[in-house]
PDB file of N, CA and C in Angstrom:
ATOM      1  N   UNK A   1      71.269 169.200 -40.071  1.00  0.00           N
ATOM      2  CA  UNK A   1      71.275 169.596 -38.982  1.00  0.00           C
ATOM      3  C   UNK A   1      72.555 171.254 -39.460  1.00  0.00           C
ATOM      4  N   UNK A   2      73.586 170.715 -40.487  1.00  0.00           N
ATOM      5  CA  UNK A   2      74.083 172.045 -40.992  1.00  0.00           C
ATOM      6  C   UNK A   2      73.311 172.917 -41.245  1.00  0.00           C
ATOM      7  N   UNK A   3      72.426 172.727 -42.303  1.00  0.00           N
ATOM      8  CA  UNK A   3      71.448 173.611 -42.824  1.00  0.00           C
ATOM      9  C   UNK A   3      70.793 174.406 -41.572  1.00  0.00           C
ATOM     10  N   UNK A   4      69.842 173.836 -40.590  1.00  0.00           N
ATOM     11  CA  UNK A   4      69.097 174.485 -39.580  1.00  0.00           C
ATOM     12  C   UNK A   4      70.851 175.267 -39.210  1.00  0.00           C
ATOM     13  N   UNK A   5      71.872 175.106 -38.674  1.00  0.00           N
ATOM     14  CA  UNK A   5      72.617 175.431 -37.998  1.00  0.00           C
ATOM     15  C   UNK A   5      73.306 177.255 -38.663  1.00  0.00           C
ATOM     16  N   UNK A   6      73.195 176.665 -39.722  1.00  0.00           N
ATOM     17  CA  UNK A   6      73.966 177.704 -40.677  1.00  0.00           C
ATOM     18  C   UNK A   6      75.549 177.323 -40.880  1.00  0.00           C
ATOM     19  N   UNK A   7      75.915 176.307 -40.846  1.00  0.00           N
ATOM     20  CA  UNK A   7      77.208 176.161 -40.764  1.00  0.00           C
ATOM     21  C   UNK A   7      77.752 174.546 -41.268  1.00  0.00           C
ATOM     22  N   UNK A   8      79.046 174.561 -41.457  1.00  0.00           N
ATOM     23  CA  UNK A   8      79.714 173.154 -41.915  1.00  0.00           C
ATOM     24  C   UNK A   8      79.938 172.480 -40.700  1.00  0.00           C
ATOM     25  N   UNK A   9      79.261 171.331 -40.263  1.00  0.00           N
ATOM     26  CA  UNK A   9      79.740 170.380 -39.144  1.00  0.00           C
ATOM     27  C   UNK A   9      81.128 169.619 -39.488  1.00  0.00           C
ATOM     28  N   UNK A  10      80.908 168.891 -40.854  1.00  0.00           N
ATOM     29  CA  UNK A  10      82.039 167.746 -41.486  1.00  0.00           C
ATOM     30  C   UNK A  10      82.698 168.458 -41.850  1.00  0.00           C
ATOM     31  N   UNK A  11      83.680 167.911 -42.436  1.00  0.00           N
ATOM     32  CA  UNK A  11      84.456 167.749 -44.154  1.00  0.00           C
ATOM     33  C   UNK A  11      84.159 166.678 -44.726  1.00  0.00           C
ATOM     34  N   UNK A  12      83.618 166.497 -45.723  1.00  0.00           N
ATOM     35  CA  UNK A  12      83.067 165.028 -46.684  1.00  0.00           C
ATOM     36  C   UNK A  12      84.104 165.065 -47.625  1.00  0.00           C
ATOM     37  N   UNK A  13      85.148 163.370 -47.742  1.00  0.00           N
ATOM     38  CA  UNK A  13      85.529 163.814 -49.190  1.00  0.00           C
ATOM     39  C   UNK A  13      84.868 162.327 -49.353  1.00  0.00           C
ATOM     40  N   UNK A  14      85.150 162.018 -50.735  1.00  0.00           N
ATOM     41  CA  UNK A  14      85.258 160.500 -50.899  1.00  0.00           C
ATOM     42  C   UNK A  14      85.624 159.464 -50.299  1.00  0.00           C
ATOM     43  N   UNK A  15      86.501 159.588 -49.247  1.00  0.00           N
ATOM     44  CA  UNK A  15      87.246 158.753 -48.495  1.00  0.00           C
ATOM     45  C   UNK A  15      87.224 159.061 -47.248  1.00  0.00           C
ATOM     46  N   UNK A  16      86.857 159.954 -46.570  1.00  0.00           N
ATOM     47  CA  UNK A  16      86.856 160.503 -45.347  1.00  0.00           C
ATOM     48  C   UNK A  16      85.583 161.495 -44.870  1.00  0.00           C
ATOM     49  N   UNK A  17      85.366 161.385 -43.495  1.00  0.00           N
ATOM     50  CA  UNK A  17      84.630 162.387 -43.087  1.00  0.00           C
ATOM     51  C   UNK A  17      85.030 162.559 -41.913  1.00  0.00           C
ATOM     52  N   UNK A  18      85.540 164.221 -41.799  1.00  0.00           N
ATOM     53  CA  UNK A  18      86.114 164.564 -40.316  1.00  0.00           C
ATOM     54  C   UNK A  18      84.999 165.574 -39.906  1.00  0.00           C
ATOM     55  N   UNK A  19      85.540 165.904 -38.853  1.00  0.00           N
ATOM     56  CA  UNK A  19      84.671 167.458 -38.490  1.00  0.00           C
ATOM     57  C   UNK A  19      85.605 168.394 -38.699  1.00  0.00           C
ATOM     58  N   UNK A  20      84.938 169.610 -38.939  1.00  0.00           N
ATOM     59  CA  UNK A  20      85.245 170.796 -38.991  1.00  0.00           C
ATOM     60  C   UNK A  20      85.560 171.555 -37.702  1.00  0.00           C
ATOM     61  N   UNK A  21      85.699 172.634 -37.804  1.00  0.00           N
ATOM     62  CA  UNK A  21      86.248 173.439 -36.159  1.00  0.00           C
ATOM     63  C   UNK A  21      84.986 173.608 -35.345  1.00  0.00           C
ATOM     64  N   UNK A  22      83.820 173.854 -36.174  1.00  0.00           N
ATOM     65  CA  UNK A  22      82.741 174.041 -35.887  1.00  0.00           C
ATOM     66  C   UNK A  22      81.958 172.776 -35.033  1.00  0.00           C
ATOM     67  N   UNK A  23      82.182 171.587 -36.053  1.00  0.00           N
ATOM     68  CA  UNK A  23      81.740 170.309 -35.498  1.00  0.00           C
ATOM     69  C   UNK A  23      82.055 170.463 -34.357  1.00  0.00           C
ATOM     70  N   UNK A  24      83.406 170.400 -34.255  1.00  0.00           N
ATOM     71  CA  UNK A  24      84.352 169.943 -32.871  1.00  0.00           C
ATOM     72  C   UNK A  24      83.597 170.871 -31.902  1.00  0.00           C
ATOM     73  N   UNK A  25      83.508 171.876 -31.698  1.00  0.00           N
ATOM     74  CA  UNK A  25      83.016 173.213 -30.678  1.00  0.00           C
ATOM     75  C   UNK A  25      81.478 172.586 -30.507  1.00  0.00           C
ATOM     76  N   UNK A  26      81.133 171.953 -31.197  1.00  0.00           N
ATOM     77  CA  UNK A  26      79.385 171.269 -31.445  1.00  0.00           C
ATOM     78  C   UNK A  26      79.110 169.962 -30.864  1.00  0.00           C
ATOM     79  N   UNK A  27      80.450 169.137 -31.014  1.00  0.00           N
ATOM     80  CA  UNK A  27      80.306 167.820 -30.526  1.00  0.00           C
ATOM     81  C   UNK A  27      80.725 167.917 -28.797  1.00  0.00           C
ATOM     82  N   UNK A  28      81.462 168.808 -28.232  1.00  0.00           N
ATOM     83  CA  UNK A  28      81.971 169.114 -27.484  1.00  0.00           C
ATOM     84  C   UNK A  28      80.670 169.584 -26.371  1.00  0.00           C
ATOM     85  N   UNK A  29      79.762 170.556 -26.805  1.00  0.00           N
ATOM     86  CA  UNK A  29      78.960 170.512 -26.294  1.00  0.00           C
ATOM     87  C   UNK A  29      77.731 170.118 -26.383  1.00  0.00           C
ATOM     88  N   UNK A  30      77.742 169.379 -27.295  1.00  0.00           N
ATOM     89  CA  UNK A  30      76.616 168.421 -27.359  1.00  0.00           C
ATOM     90  C   UNK A  30      76.931 167.126 -26.027  1.00  0.00           C
ATOM     91  N   UNK A  31      78.310 167.167 -25.875  1.00  0.00           N
ATOM     92  CA  UNK A  31      78.600 166.260 -24.800  1.00  0.00           C
ATOM     93  C   UNK A  31      78.560 166.679 -23.405  1.00  0.00           C
ATOM     94  N   UNK A  32      79.110 167.558 -23.066  1.00  0.00           N
ATOM     95  CA  UNK A  32      78.556 168.625 -22.109  1.00  0.00           C
ATOM     96  C   UNK A  32      77.345 168.204 -21.242  1.00  0.00           C
ATOM     97  N   UNK A  33      76.343 168.725 -22.645  1.00  0.00           N
ATOM     98  CA  UNK A  33      74.507 168.548 -22.396  1.00  0.00           C
ATOM     99  C   UNK A  33      74.111 167.248 -22.246  1.00  0.00           C
ATOM    100  N   UNK A  34      74.666 166.627 -22.668  1.00  0.00           N
ATOM    101  CA  UNK A  34      73.937 164.658 -22.837  1.00  0.00           C
ATOM    102  C   UNK A  34      74.513 164.413 -21.329  1.00  0.00           C
ATOM    103  N   UNK A  35      75.720 164.543 -20.484  1.00  0.00           N
ATOM    104  CA  UNK A  35      76.407 164.772 -19.355  1.00  0.00           C
ATOM    105  C   UNK A  35      75.305 165.145 -18.527  1.00  0.00           C
ATOM    106  N   UNK A  36      75.030 166.554 -18.718  1.00  0.00           N
ATOM    107  CA  UNK A  36      73.869 167.354 -17.610  1.00  0.00           C
ATOM    108  C   UNK A  36      72.848 166.197 -17.281  1.00  0.00           C
ATOM    109  N   UNK A  37      72.309 165.731 -19.049  1.00  0.00           N
ATOM    110  CA  UNK A  37      70.738 165.074 -18.967  1.00  0.00           C
ATOM    111  C   UNK A  37      70.946 164.061 -18.133  1.00  0.00           C
ATOM    112  N   UNK A  38      72.171 163.620 -18.108  1.00  0.00           N
ATOM    113  CA  UNK A  38      72.672 161.725 -17.370  1.00  0.00           C
ATOM    114  C   UNK A  38      72.479 161.944 -15.576  1.00  0.00           C
ATOM    115  N   UNK A  39      73.117 163.294 -15.329  1.00  0.00           N
ATOM    116  CA  UNK A  39      73.259 163.295 -13.864  1.00  0.00           C
ATOM    117  C   UNK A  39      71.761 163.784 -13.681  1.00  0.00           C
ATOM    118  N   UNK A  40      71.108 164.243 -14.070  1.00  0.00           N
ATOM    119  CA  UNK A  40      70.062 164.993 -13.870  1.00  0.00           C
ATOM    120  C   UNK A  40      68.486 163.857 -13.473  1.00  0.00           C
ATOM    121  N   UNK A  41      68.671 162.624 -14.898  1.00  0.00           N
ATOM    122  CA  UNK A  41      67.991 161.559 -14.437  1.00  0.00           C
ATOM    123  C   UNK A  41      68.426 160.609 -13.299  1.00  0.00           C
ATOM    124  N   UNK A  42      69.841 160.358 -13.161  1.00  0.00           N
ATOM    125  CA  UNK A  42      70.529 159.670 -12.121  1.00  0.00           C
ATOM    126  C   UNK A  42      69.860 160.357 -10.450  1.00  0.00           C
ATOM    127  N   UNK A  43      69.682 161.651 -10.558  1.00  0.00           N
ATOM    128  CA  UNK A  43      69.154 162.550  -9.220  1.00  0.00           C
ATOM    129  C   UNK A  43      67.984 161.948  -9.052  1.00  0.00           C
ATOM    130  N   UNK A  44      67.228 162.135 -10.310  1.00  0.00           N
ATOM    131  CA  UNK A  44      65.495 162.397  -9.849  1.00  0.00           C
ATOM    132  C   UNK A  44      65.509 160.495  -9.734  1.00  0.00           C
ATOM    133  N   UNK A  45      66.136 159.439 -10.467  1.00  0.00           N
ATOM    134  CA  UNK A  45      65.572 158.001 -10.273  1.00  0.00           C
ATOM    135  C   UNK A  45      66.072 157.733  -8.396  1.00  0.00           C
ATOM    136  N   UNK A  46      67.177 158.452  -8.318  1.00  0.00           N
ATOM    137  CA  UNK A  46      67.465 158.184  -6.558  1.00  0.00           C
ATOM    138  C   UNK A  46      66.262 158.551  -5.425  1.00  0.00           C
ATOM    139  N   UNK A  47      65.145 159.783  -6.088  1.00  0.00           N
ATOM    140  CA  UNK A  47      64.704 160.485  -5.160  1.00  0.00           C
ATOM    141  C   UNK A  47      63.469 159.042  -5.188  1.00  0.00           C
ATOM    142  N   UNK A  48      62.988 158.024  -6.110  1.00  0.00           N
ATOM    143  CA  UNK A  48      61.921 157.089  -6.284  1.00  0.00           C
ATOM    144  C   UNK A  48      62.459 156.095  -5.522  1.00  0.00           C
ATOM    145  N   UNK A  49      63.757 155.788  -5.035  1.00  0.00           N
ATOM    146  CA  UNK A  49      64.014 154.774  -4.036  1.00  0.00           C
ATOM    147  C   UNK A  49      62.965 154.578  -2.648  1.00  0.00           C
ATOM    148  N   UNK A  50      62.443 153.258  -2.766  1.00  0.00           N
ATOM    149  CA  UNK A  50      62.051 153.193  -1.404  1.00  0.00           C
ATOM    150  C   UNK A  50      62.503 153.677  -0.514  1.00  0.00           C
ATOM    151  N   UNK A  51      62.151 154.046   0.841  1.00  0.00           N
ATOM    152  CA  UNK A  51      62.984 154.353   2.049  1.00  0.00           C
ATOM    153  C   UNK A  51      63.447 152.713   2.887  1.00  0.00           C
ATOM    154  N   UNK A  52      64.763 152.690   3.168  1.00  0.00           N
ATOM    155  CA  UNK A  52      65.407 151.751   4.002  1.00  0.00           C
ATOM    156  C   UNK A  52      66.403 152.221   5.636  1.00  0.00           C
ATOM    157  N   UNK A  53      65.973 151.194   6.151  1.00  0.00           N
ATOM    158  CA  UNK A  53      67.095 151.223   7.510  1.00  0.00           C
ATOM    159  C   UNK A  53      66.036 151.033   8.261  1.00  0.00           C
ATOM    160  N   UNK A  54      66.297 151.520   9.916  1.00  0.00           N
ATOM    161  CA  UNK A  54      65.777 150.855  10.780  1.00  0.00           C
ATOM    162  C   UNK A  54      64.421 152.277  11.180  1.00  0.00           C
ATOM    163  N   UNK A  55      63.642 152.024  11.564  1.00  0.00           N
ATOM    164  CA  UNK A  55      62.720 152.783  12.237  1.00  0.00           C
ATOM    165  C   UNK A  55      62.551 152.735  14.006  1.00  0.00           C
ATOM    166  N   UNK A  56      63.054 153.795  14.817  1.00  0.00           N
ATOM    167  CA  UNK A  56      62.845 153.388  16.463  1.00  0.00           C
ATOM    168  C   UNK A  56      61.866 154.464  16.490  1.00  0.00           C
ATOM    169  N   UNK A  57      60.940 153.861  16.937  1.00  0.00           N
ATOM    170  CA  UNK A  57      59.684 154.695  17.692  1.00  0.00           C
ATOM    171  C   UNK A  57      59.564 154.380  19.437  1.00  0.00           C
ATOM    172  N   UNK A  58      59.504 155.556  19.741  1.00  0.00           N
ATOM    173  CA  UNK A  58      59.686 155.607  21.618  1.00  0.00           C
ATOM    174  C   UNK A  58      58.408 156.374  21.947  1.00  0.00           C
ATOM    175  N   UNK A  59      57.660 156.105  22.577  1.00  0.00           N
ATOM    176  CA  UNK A  59      56.308 156.510  23.254  1.00  0.00           C
ATOM    177  C   UNK A  59      56.653 155.976  24.733  1.00  0.00           C
ATOM    178  N   UNK A  60      57.069 156.735  25.132  1.00  0.00           N
ATOM    179  CA  UNK A  60      57.010 156.189  26.832  1.00  0.00           C
ATOM    180  C   UNK A  60      55.750 155.495  27.081  1.00  0.00           C
ATOM    181  N   UNK A  61      54.835 156.333  27.784  1.00  0.00           N
ATOM    182  CA  UNK A  61      53.486 155.652  28.128  1.00  0.00           C
ATOM    183  C   UNK A  61      52.464 155.307  26.904  1.00  0.00           C
ATOM    184  N   UNK A  62      52.234 156.550  26.166  1.00  0.00           N
ATOM    185  CA  UNK A  62      51.588 155.910  25.650  1.00  0.00           C
ATOM    186  C   UNK A  62      51.694 154.559  24.436  1.00  0.00           C
ATOM    187  N   UNK A  63      52.909 154.561  24.595  1.00  0.00           N
ATOM    188  CA  UNK A  63      53.274 153.209  23.657  1.00  0.00           C
ATOM    189  C   UNK A  63      52.599 152.123  24.489  1.00  0.00           C
ATOM    190  N   UNK A  64      53.000 152.264  25.992  1.00  0.00           N
ATOM    191  CA  UNK A  64      52.719 150.634  26.088  1.00  0.00           C
ATOM    192  C   UNK A  64      50.896 150.458  25.643  1.00  0.00           C
ATOM    193  N   UNK A  65      50.285 151.710  26.080  1.00  0.00           N
ATOM    194  CA  UNK A  65      48.772 151.239  25.980  1.00  0.00           C
ATOM    195  C   UNK A  65      48.738 150.955  24.572  1.00  0.00           C
ATOM    196  N   UNK A  66      49.228 151.410  23.194  1.00  0.00           N
ATOM    197  CA  UNK A  66      49.373 151.311  21.820  1.00  0.00           C
ATOM    198  C   UNK A  66      49.211 150.145  21.737  1.00  0.00           C
ATOM    199  N   UNK A  67      50.808 149.621  22.078  1.00  0.00           N
ATOM    200  CA  UNK A  67      51.188 148.373  22.156  1.00  0.00           C
ATOM    201  C   UNK A  67      50.620 147.113  22.371  1.00  0.00           C
ATOM    202  N   UNK A  68      49.828 147.460  23.416  1.00  0.00           N
ATOM    203  CA  UNK A  68      48.739 146.041  23.766  1.00  0.00           C
ATOM    204  C   UNK A  68      47.495 146.390  22.747  1.00  0.00           C
ATOM    205  N   UNK A  69      46.847 147.465  22.301  1.00  0.00           N
ATOM    206  CA  UNK A  69      46.234 147.189  21.498  1.00  0.00           C
ATOM    207  C   UNK A  69      46.000 147.252  20.265  1.00  0.00           C
ATOM    208  N   UNK A  70      47.181 147.650  19.534  1.00  0.00           N
ATOM    209  CA  UNK A  70      47.257 147.846  17.749  1.00  0.00           C
ATOM    210  C   UNK A  70      48.291 146.643  17.331  1.00  0.00           C
ATOM    211  N   UNK A  71      47.963 146.446  16.302  1.00  0.00           N
ATOM    212  CA  UNK A  71      49.189 145.299  16.177  1.00  0.00           C
ATOM    213  C   UNK A  71      50.152 146.147  15.533  1.00  0.00           C
ATOM    214  N   UNK A  72      51.501 145.395  15.031  1.00  0.00           N
ATOM    215  CA  UNK A  72      52.202 146.116  14.528  1.00  0.00           C
ATOM    216  C   UNK A  72      52.088 146.230  12.661  1.00  0.00           C
ATOM    217  N   UNK A  73      52.521 147.386  12.260  1.00  0.00           N
ATOM    218  CA  UNK A  73      52.284 147.492  10.945  1.00  0.00           C
ATOM    219  C   UNK A  73      53.072 147.016  10.065  1.00  0.00           C
ATOM    220  N   UNK A  74      52.289 145.948   9.182  1.00  0.00           N
ATOM    221  CA  UNK A  74      53.029 144.979   8.611  1.00  0.00           C
ATOM    222  C   UNK A  74      53.619 145.043   7.547  1.00  0.00           C
ATOM    223  N   UNK A  75      53.206 145.868   6.543  1.00  0.00           N
ATOM    224  CA  UNK A  75      54.160 146.735   5.412  1.00  0.00           C
ATOM    225  C   UNK A  75      55.206 147.746   6.074  1.00  0.00           C
ATOM    226  N   UNK A  76      54.942 148.265   6.968  1.00  0.00           N
ATOM    227  CA  UNK A  76      56.458 149.296   7.652  1.00  0.00           C
ATOM    228  C   UNK A  76      57.492 148.280   7.938  1.00  0.00           C
ATOM    229  N   UNK A  77      56.705 147.034   8.570  1.00  0.00           N
ATOM    230  CA  UNK A  77      57.610 146.579   9.609  1.00  0.00           C
ATOM    231  C   UNK A  77      58.880 145.598   7.871  1.00  0.00           C
ATOM    232  N   UNK A  78      58.240 145.439   7.010  1.00  0.00           N
ATOM    233  CA  UNK A  78      58.936 144.800   5.651  1.00  0.00           C
ATOM    234  C   UNK A  78      59.464 145.678   5.434  1.00  0.00           C
ATOM    235  N   UNK A  79      59.264 146.953   5.137  1.00  0.00           N
ATOM    236  CA  UNK A  79      60.138 147.478   4.273  1.00  0.00           C
ATOM    237  C   UNK A  79      61.059 148.517   5.200  1.00  0.00           C
ATOM    238  N   UNK A  80      60.779 148.728   6.359  1.00  0.00           N
ATOM    239  CA  UNK A  80      61.539 149.665   7.243  1.00  0.00           C
ATOM    240  C   UNK A  80      62.472 149.463   7.743  1.00  0.00           C
ATOM    241  N   UNK A  81      61.756 148.065   8.812  1.00  0.00           N
ATOM    242  CA  UNK A  81      62.334 146.943   9.778  1.00  0.00           C
ATOM    243  C   UNK A  81      62.074 147.930  11.297  1.00  0.00           C
ATOM    244  N   UNK A  82      61.008 148.184  11.503  1.00  0.00           N
ATOM    245  CA  UNK A  82      60.993 149.352  12.868  1.00  0.00           C
ATOM    246  C   UNK A  82      61.433 148.565  13.956  1.00  0.00           C
ATOM    247  N   UNK A  83      61.887 149.256  14.926  1.00  0.00           N
ATOM    248  CA  UNK A  83      62.359 148.570  16.597  1.00  0.00           C
ATOM    249  C   UNK A  83      61.623 149.085  17.523  1.00  0.00           C
ATOM    250  N   UNK A  84      60.814 148.590  18.444  1.00  0.00           N
ATOM    251  CA  UNK A  84      60.094 149.159  19.017  1.00  0.00           C
ATOM    252  C   UNK A  84      60.815 149.176  20.323  1.00  0.00           C
ATOM    253  N   UNK A  85      60.709 149.739  21.438  1.00  0.00           N
ATOM    254  CA  UNK A  85      61.738 149.422  23.041  1.00  0.00           C
ATOM    255  C   UNK A  85      60.743 148.749  23.663  1.00  0.00           C
ATOM    256  N   UNK A  86      61.470 147.874  23.944  1.00  0.00           N
ATOM    257  CA  UNK A  86      60.999 146.825  24.922  1.00  0.00           C
ATOM    258  C   UNK A  86      60.614 147.306  26.391  1.00  0.00           C
ATOM    259  N   UNK A  87      59.268 147.071  27.210  1.00  0.00           N
ATOM    260  CA  UNK A  87      59.086 147.521  27.847  1.00  0.00           C
ATOM    261  C   UNK A  87      58.892 146.460  29.150  1.00  0.00           C
TER     262      UNK A  87
END
């Protein structure tokens, strides 16, 4: 990495390794970048969650006709918990 960047990132001795001033700057910048990547991943992962909650459908006249002819959608009912008004 040092060769690629053209700077020394570490002070090396036989007993220790420490960051140079450039190394400290580079580390801080990398941490900010990784933080942004984690935030972006979290944001995207939340968009793939299945919708939850109650779905309320109100169809005054057509609802009575549809209700008698078509059964409720079981998949929707399991995932969304729809509530149809009683008539």
